[in-house]
PDB file of N, CA and C in Angstrom:
ATOM      1  N   UNK A   1     125.258-128.791 -40.953  1.00  0.00           N
ATOM      2  CA  UNK A   1     126.327-128.098 -41.642  1.00  0.00           C
ATOM      3  C   UNK A   1     127.381-127.682 -40.620  1.00  0.00           C
ATOM      4  N   UNK A   2     128.624-127.829 -40.952  1.00  0.00           N
ATOM      5  CA  UNK A   2     129.727-127.533 -40.047  1.00  0.00           C
ATOM      6  C   UNK A   2     130.318-126.166 -40.265  1.00  0.00           C
ATOM      7  N   UNK A   3     131.583-126.089 -40.082  1.00  0.00           N
ATOM      8  CA  UNK A   3     132.322-124.830 -40.188  1.00  0.00           C
ATOM      9  C   UNK A   3     132.481-124.450 -41.657  1.00  0.00           C
ATOM     10  N   UNK A   4     131.994-123.277 -42.019  1.00  0.00           N
ATOM     11  CA  UNK A   4     132.164-122.776 -43.379  1.00  0.00           C
ATOM     12  C   UNK A   4     131.553-123.650 -44.454  1.00  0.00           C
ATOM     13  N   UNK A   5     130.507-124.361 -44.126  1.00  0.00           N
ATOM     14  CA  UNK A   5     129.837-125.183 -45.116  1.00  0.00           C
ATOM     15  C   UNK A   5     130.462-126.564 -45.279  1.00  0.00           C
ATOM     16  N   UNK A   6     131.424-126.923 -44.425  1.00  0.00           N
ATOM     17  CA  UNK A   6     132.061-128.239 -44.480  1.00  0.00           C
ATOM     18  C   UNK A   6     131.431-129.106 -43.391  1.00  0.00           C
ATOM     19  N   UNK A   7     130.970-130.286 -43.781  1.00  0.00           N
ATOM     20  CA  UNK A   7     130.324-131.166 -42.805  1.00  0.00           C
ATOM     21  C   UNK A   7     131.371-131.874 -41.940  1.00  0.00           C
ATOM     22  N   UNK A   8     130.899-132.483 -40.893  1.00  0.00           N
ATOM     23  CA  UNK A   8     131.772-133.224 -39.977  1.00  0.00           C
ATOM     24  C   UNK A   8     132.491-134.357 -40.709  1.00  0.00           C
ATOM     25  N   UNK A   9     131.788-135.049 -41.577  1.00  0.00           N
ATOM     26  CA  UNK A   9     132.378-136.167 -42.310  1.00  0.00           C
ATOM     27  C   UNK A   9     133.513-135.695 -43.217  1.00  0.00           C
ATOM     28  N   UNK A  10     133.329-134.548 -43.851  1.00  0.00           N
ATOM     29  CA  UNK A  10     134.381-134.017 -44.716  1.00  0.00           C
ATOM     30  C   UNK A  10     135.612-133.629 -43.890  1.00  0.00           C
ATOM     31  N   UNK A  11     135.386-133.055 -42.710  1.00  0.00           N
ATOM     32  CA  UNK A  11     136.508-132.721 -41.826  1.00  0.00           C
ATOM     33  C   UNK A  11     137.265-133.979 -41.383  1.00  0.00           C
ATOM     34  N   UNK A  12     136.528-135.027 -41.051  1.00  0.00           N
ATOM     35  CA  UNK A  12     137.166-136.285 -40.646  1.00  0.00           C
ATOM     36  C   UNK A  12     137.996-136.885 -41.773  1.00  0.00           C
ATOM     37  N   UNK A  13     137.488-136.819 -42.984  1.00  0.00           N
ATOM     38  CA  UNK A  13     138.233-137.344 -44.142  1.00  0.00           C
ATOM     39  C   UNK A  13     139.507-136.536 -44.357  1.00  0.00           C
ATOM     40  N   UNK A  14     139.414-135.213 -44.236  1.00  0.00           N
ATOM     41  CA  UNK A  14     140.594-134.356 -44.398  1.00  0.00           C
ATOM     42  C   UNK A  14     141.623-134.678 -43.318  1.00  0.00           C
ATOM     43  N   UNK A  15     141.177-134.836 -42.060  1.00  0.00           N
ATOM     44  CA  UNK A  15     142.098-135.169 -40.968  1.00  0.00           C
ATOM     45  C   UNK A  15     142.760-136.526 -41.184  1.00  0.00           C
ATOM     46  N   UNK A  16     142.009-137.489 -41.704  1.00  0.00           N
ATOM     47  CA  UNK A  16     142.561-138.811 -41.993  1.00  0.00           C
ATOM     48  C   UNK A  16     143.631-138.724 -43.075  1.00  0.00           C
ATOM     49  N   UNK A  17     143.390-137.964 -44.114  1.00  0.00           N
ATOM     50  CA  UNK A  17     144.365-137.812 -45.203  1.00  0.00           C
ATOM     51  C   UNK A  17     145.624-137.125 -44.687  1.00  0.00           C
ATOM     52  N   UNK A  18     145.457-136.080 -43.867  1.00  0.00           N
ATOM     53  CA  UNK A  18     146.619-135.377 -43.300  1.00  0.00           C
ATOM     54  C   UNK A  18     147.419-136.326 -42.418  1.00  0.00           C
ATOM     55  N   UNK A  19     146.738-137.138 -41.611  1.00  0.00           N
ATOM     56  CA  UNK A  19     147.429-138.096 -40.743  1.00  0.00           C
ATOM     57  C   UNK A  19     148.188-139.129 -41.575  1.00  0.00           C
ATOM     58  N   UNK A  20     147.614-139.562 -42.682  1.00  0.00           N
ATOM     59  CA  UNK A  20     148.292-140.533 -43.535  1.00  0.00           C
ATOM     60  C   UNK A  20     149.515-139.914 -44.223  1.00  0.00           C
ATOM     61  N   UNK A  21     149.418-138.652 -44.618  1.00  0.00           N
ATOM     62  CA  UNK A  21     150.527-137.996 -45.320  1.00  0.00           C
ATOM     63  C   UNK A  21     151.688-137.715 -44.372  1.00  0.00           C
ATOM     64  N   UNK A  22     151.390-137.106 -43.229  1.00  0.00           N
ATOM     65  CA  UNK A  22     152.459-136.674 -42.326  1.00  0.00           C
ATOM     66  C   UNK A  22     152.822-137.706 -41.272  1.00  0.00           C
ATOM     67  N   UNK A  23     151.919-138.566 -40.941  1.00  0.00           N
ATOM     68  CA  UNK A  23     152.176-139.540 -39.891  1.00  0.00           C
ATOM     69  C   UNK A  23     151.819-138.971 -38.532  1.00  0.00           C
ATOM     70  N   UNK A  24     151.429-139.852 -37.629  1.00  0.00           N
ATOM     71  CA  UNK A  24     150.958-139.387 -36.327  1.00  0.00           C
ATOM     72  C   UNK A  24     152.101-138.852 -35.457  1.00  0.00           C
ATOM     73  N   UNK A  25     153.303-139.411 -35.586  1.00  0.00           N
ATOM     74  CA  UNK A  25     154.428-138.936 -34.773  1.00  0.00           C
ATOM     75  C   UNK A  25     154.783-137.498 -35.123  1.00  0.00           C
ATOM     76  N   UNK A  26     154.805-137.210 -36.406  1.00  0.00           N
ATOM     77  CA  UNK A  26     155.142-135.850 -36.832  1.00  0.00           C
ATOM     78  C   UNK A  26     154.057-134.874 -36.406  1.00  0.00           C
ATOM     79  N   UNK A  27     152.793-135.274 -36.530  1.00  0.00           N
ATOM     80  CA  UNK A  27     151.697-134.409 -36.104  1.00  0.00           C
ATOM     81  C   UNK A  27     151.732-134.176 -34.595  1.00  0.00           C
ATOM     82  N   UNK A  28     152.071-135.203 -33.825  1.00  0.00           N
ATOM     83  CA  UNK A  28     152.184-135.062 -32.374  1.00  0.00           C
ATOM     84  C   UNK A  28     153.312-134.100 -32.024  1.00  0.00           C
ATOM     85  N   UNK A  29     154.418-134.195 -32.743  1.00  0.00           N
ATOM     86  CA  UNK A  29     155.538-133.273 -32.522  1.00  0.00           C
ATOM     87  C   UNK A  29     155.178-131.839 -32.858  1.00  0.00           C
ATOM     88  N   UNK A  30     154.453-131.668 -33.954  1.00  0.00           N
ATOM     89  CA  UNK A  30     154.008-130.322 -34.344  1.00  0.00           C
ATOM     90  C   UNK A  30     153.057-129.768 -33.290  1.00  0.00           C
ATOM     91  N   UNK A  31     152.176-130.604 -32.786  1.00  0.00           N
ATOM     92  CA  UNK A  31     151.237-130.166 -31.743  1.00  0.00           C
ATOM     93  C   UNK A  31     151.963-129.765 -30.472  1.00  0.00           C
ATOM     94  N   UNK A  32     152.978-130.531 -30.095  1.00  0.00           N
ATOM     95  CA  UNK A  32     153.761-130.195 -28.905  1.00  0.00           C
ATOM     96  C   UNK A  32     154.512-128.889 -29.079  1.00  0.00           C
ATOM     97  N   UNK A  33     155.099-128.701 -30.261  1.00  0.00           N
ATOM     98  CA  UNK A  33     155.809-127.450 -30.542  1.00  0.00           C
ATOM     99  C   UNK A  33     154.861-126.259 -30.524  1.00  0.00           C
ATOM    100  N   UNK A  34     153.686-126.442 -31.099  1.00  0.00           N
ATOM    101  CA  UNK A  34     152.697-125.376 -31.119  1.00  0.00           C
ATOM    102  C   UNK A  34     152.229-125.042 -29.701  1.00  0.00           C
ATOM    103  N   UNK A  35     152.008-126.070 -28.904  1.00  0.00           N
ATOM    104  CA  UNK A  35     151.603-125.851 -27.505  1.00  0.00           C
ATOM    105  C   UNK A  35     152.675-125.118 -26.724  1.00  0.00           C
ATOM    106  N   UNK A  36     153.938-125.474 -26.937  1.00  0.00           N
ATOM    107  CA  UNK A  36     155.037-124.782 -26.269  1.00  0.00           C
ATOM    108  C   UNK A  36     155.127-123.324 -26.691  1.00  0.00           C
ATOM    109  N   UNK A  37     154.885-123.074 -27.964  1.00  0.00           N
ATOM    110  CA  UNK A  37     154.924-121.695 -28.459  1.00  0.00           C
ATOM    111  C   UNK A  37     153.797-120.864 -27.848  1.00  0.00           C
ATOM    112  N   UNK A  38     152.619-121.452 -27.718  1.00  0.00           N
ATOM    113  CA  UNK A  38     151.489-120.733 -27.126  1.00  0.00           C
ATOM    114  C   UNK A  38     151.769-120.439 -25.650  1.00  0.00           C
ATOM    115  N   UNK A  39     152.334-121.418 -24.933  1.00  0.00           N
ATOM    116  CA  UNK A  39     152.677-121.195 -23.521  1.00  0.00           C
ATOM    117  C   UNK A  39     153.704-120.088 -23.383  1.00  0.00           C
ATOM    118  N   UNK A  40     154.705-120.097 -24.241  1.00  0.00           N
ATOM    119  CA  UNK A  40     155.723-119.047 -24.213  1.00  0.00           C
ATOM    120  C   UNK A  40     155.133-117.681 -24.506  1.00  0.00           C
ATOM    121  N   UNK A  41     154.220-117.625 -25.455  1.00  0.00           N
ATOM    122  CA  UNK A  41     153.566-116.368 -25.804  1.00  0.00           C
ATOM    123  C   UNK A  41     152.748-115.838 -24.627  1.00  0.00           C
ATOM    124  N   UNK A  42     151.975-116.720 -23.982  1.00  0.00           N
ATOM    125  CA  UNK A  42     151.176-116.309 -22.831  1.00  0.00           C
ATOM    126  C   UNK A  42     152.063-115.826 -21.691  1.00  0.00           C
ATOM    127  N   UNK A  43     153.181-116.520 -21.464  1.00  0.00           N
ATOM    128  CA  UNK A  43     154.101-116.130 -20.400  1.00  0.00           C
ATOM    129  C   UNK A  43     154.689-114.751 -20.681  1.00  0.00           C
ATOM    130  N   UNK A  44     155.062-114.497 -21.920  1.00  0.00           N
ATOM    131  CA  UNK A  44     155.624-113.197 -22.282  1.00  0.00           C
ATOM    132  C   UNK A  44     154.588-112.090 -22.123  1.00  0.00           C
ATOM    133  N   UNK A  45     153.351-112.358 -22.483  1.00  0.00           N
ATOM    134  CA  UNK A  45     152.286-111.366 -22.331  1.00  0.00           C
ATOM    135  C   UNK A  45     152.072-111.061 -20.850  1.00  0.00           C
ATOM    136  N   UNK A  46     152.037-112.102 -20.011  1.00  0.00           N
ATOM    137  CA  UNK A  46     151.839-111.899 -18.578  1.00  0.00           C
ATOM    138  C   UNK A  46     153.002-111.129 -17.964  1.00  0.00           C
ATOM    139  N   UNK A  47     154.229-111.441 -18.364  1.00  0.00           N
ATOM    140  CA  UNK A  47     155.393-110.732 -17.847  1.00  0.00           C
ATOM    141  C   UNK A  47     155.356-109.265 -18.255  1.00  0.00           C
ATOM    142  N   UNK A  48     154.947-109.000 -19.488  1.00  0.00           N
ATOM    143  CA  UNK A  48     154.853-107.626 -19.967  1.00  0.00           C
ATOM    144  C   UNK A  48     153.788-106.860 -19.183  1.00  0.00           C
ATOM    145  N   UNK A  49     152.668-107.511 -18.917  1.00  0.00           N
ATOM    146  CA  UNK A  49     151.594-106.864 -18.149  1.00  0.00           C
ATOM    147  C   UNK A  49     152.062-106.600 -16.716  1.00  0.00           C
ATOM    148  N   UNK A  50     152.825-107.534 -16.129  1.00  0.00           N
ATOM    149  CA  UNK A  50     153.349-107.339 -14.779  1.00  0.00           C
ATOM    150  C   UNK A  50     154.315-106.167 -14.735  1.00  0.00           C
ATOM    151  N   UNK A  51     155.178-106.063 -15.733  1.00  0.00           N
ATOM    152  CA  UNK A  51     156.137-104.949 -15.783  1.00  0.00           C
ATOM    153  C   UNK A  51     155.410-103.620 -15.895  1.00  0.00           C
ATOM    154  N   UNK A  52     154.367-103.582 -16.712  1.00  0.00           N
ATOM    155  CA  UNK A  52     153.608-102.338 -16.872  1.00  0.00           C
ATOM    156  C   UNK A  52     152.907-101.962 -15.578  1.00  0.00           C
ATOM    157  N   UNK A  53     152.355-102.955 -14.869  1.00  0.00           N
ATOM    158  CA  UNK A  53     151.674-102.644 -13.614  1.00  0.00           C
ATOM    159  C   UNK A  53     152.676-102.178 -12.560  1.00  0.00           C
ATOM    160  N   UNK A  54     153.885-102.760 -12.540  1.00  0.00           N
ATOM    161  CA  UNK A  54     154.914-102.318 -11.611  1.00  0.00           C
ATOM    162  C   UNK A  54     155.347-100.891 -11.936  1.00  0.00           C
ATOM    163  N   UNK A  55     155.464-100.571 -13.224  1.00  0.00           N
ATOM    164  CA  UNK A  55     155.847 -99.218 -13.620  1.00  0.00           C
ATOM    165  C   UNK A  55     154.781 -98.215 -13.208  1.00  0.00           C
ATOM    166  N   UNK A  56     153.516 -98.576 -13.400  1.00  0.00           N
ATOM    167  CA  UNK A  56     152.441 -97.650 -13.040  1.00  0.00           C
ATOM    168  C   UNK A  56     152.368 -97.479 -11.530  1.00  0.00           C
ATOM    169  N   UNK A  57     152.650 -98.550 -10.764  1.00  0.00           N
ATOM    170  CA  UNK A  57     152.663 -98.443  -9.309  1.00  0.00           C
ATOM    171  C   UNK A  57     153.799 -97.550  -8.843  1.00  0.00           C
ATOM    172  N   UNK A  58     154.976 -97.691  -9.437  1.00  0.00           N
ATOM    173  CA  UNK A  58     156.107 -96.859  -9.037  1.00  0.00           C
ATOM    174  C   UNK A  58     155.878 -95.411  -9.443  1.00  0.00           C
ATOM    175  N   UNK A  59     155.230 -95.188 -10.590  1.00  0.00           N
ATOM    176  CA  UNK A  59     154.902 -93.828 -11.014  1.00  0.00           C
ATOM    177  C   UNK A  59     153.919 -93.179 -10.044  1.00  0.00           C
ATOM    178  N   UNK A  60     152.920 -93.948  -9.598  1.00  0.00           N
ATOM    179  CA  UNK A  60     151.933 -93.395  -8.673  1.00  0.00           C
ATOM    180  C   UNK A  60     152.566 -93.122  -7.315  1.00  0.00           C
ATOM    181  N   UNK A  61     153.514 -93.966  -6.885  1.00  0.00           N
ATOM    182  CA  UNK A  61     154.215 -93.732  -5.624  1.00  0.00           C
ATOM    183  C   UNK A  61     155.059 -92.470  -5.716  1.00  0.00           C
ATOM    184  N   UNK A  62     155.722 -92.266  -6.830  1.00  0.00           N
ATOM    185  CA  UNK A  62     156.538 -91.068  -7.010  1.00  0.00           C
ATOM    186  C   UNK A  62     155.662 -89.826  -7.031  1.00  0.00           C
ATOM    187  N   UNK A  63     154.499 -89.910  -7.647  1.00  0.00           N
ATOM    188  CA  UNK A  63     153.571 -88.786  -7.699  1.00  0.00           C
ATOM    189  C   UNK A  63     153.071 -88.455  -6.296  1.00  0.00           C
ATOM    190  N   UNK A  64     152.734 -89.488  -5.508  1.00  0.00           N
ATOM    191  CA  UNK A  64     152.265 -89.270  -4.149  1.00  0.00           C
ATOM    192  C   UNK A  64     153.368 -88.647  -3.301  1.00  0.00           C
ATOM    193  N   UNK A  65     154.610 -89.086  -3.456  1.00  0.00           N
ATOM    194  CA  UNK A  65     155.729 -88.558  -2.695  1.00  0.00           C
ATOM    195  C   UNK A  65     155.972 -87.101  -3.050  1.00  0.00           C
ATOM    196  N   UNK A  66     155.941 -86.783  -4.329  1.00  0.00           N
ATOM    197  CA  UNK A  66     156.170 -85.405  -4.745  1.00  0.00           C
ATOM    198  C   UNK A  66     155.025 -84.504  -4.313  1.00  0.00           C
ATOM    199  N   UNK A  67     153.802 -84.991  -4.303  1.00  0.00           N
ATOM    200  CA  UNK A  67     152.653 -84.206  -3.849  1.00  0.00           C
ATOM    201  C   UNK A  67     152.735 -83.919  -2.360  1.00  0.00           C
ATOM    202  N   UNK A  68     153.179 -84.876  -1.557  1.00  0.00           N
ATOM    203  CA  UNK A  68     153.281 -84.666  -0.123  1.00  0.00           C
ATOM    204  C   UNK A  68     154.442 -83.729   0.207  1.00  0.00           C
ATOM    205  N   UNK A  69     155.500 -83.743  -0.589  1.00  0.00           N
ATOM    206  CA  UNK A  69     156.644 -82.860  -0.368  1.00  0.00           C
ATOM    207  C   UNK A  69     156.283 -81.427  -0.697  1.00  0.00           C
ATOM    208  N   UNK A  70     155.403 -81.224  -1.692  1.00  0.00           N
ATOM    209  CA  UNK A  70     155.019 -79.873  -2.108  1.00  0.00           C
ATOM    210  C   UNK A  70     154.167 -79.188  -1.061  1.00  0.00           C
ATOM    211  N   UNK A  71     153.422 -79.945  -0.281  1.00  0.00           N
ATOM    212  CA  UNK A  71     152.505 -79.375   0.712  1.00  0.00           C
ATOM    213  C   UNK A  71     153.240 -78.925   1.884  1.00  0.00           C
TER     214      UNK A  71
END
């Protein structure tokens, strides 16, 4: 038994029908667009995480500077 009660053969038949309806060129284009979107999403997430880490580093540096000035 496969995913959600669908066997491998049923999945292959569904994929064959989809390929016949849309054509392989269109499916390849959709796959490329989807891959580009995922790469862009990952890049944006990484950039956001980098910005947050830089902000936290600058905040900790400012805290250390103010603590040393108070002493």
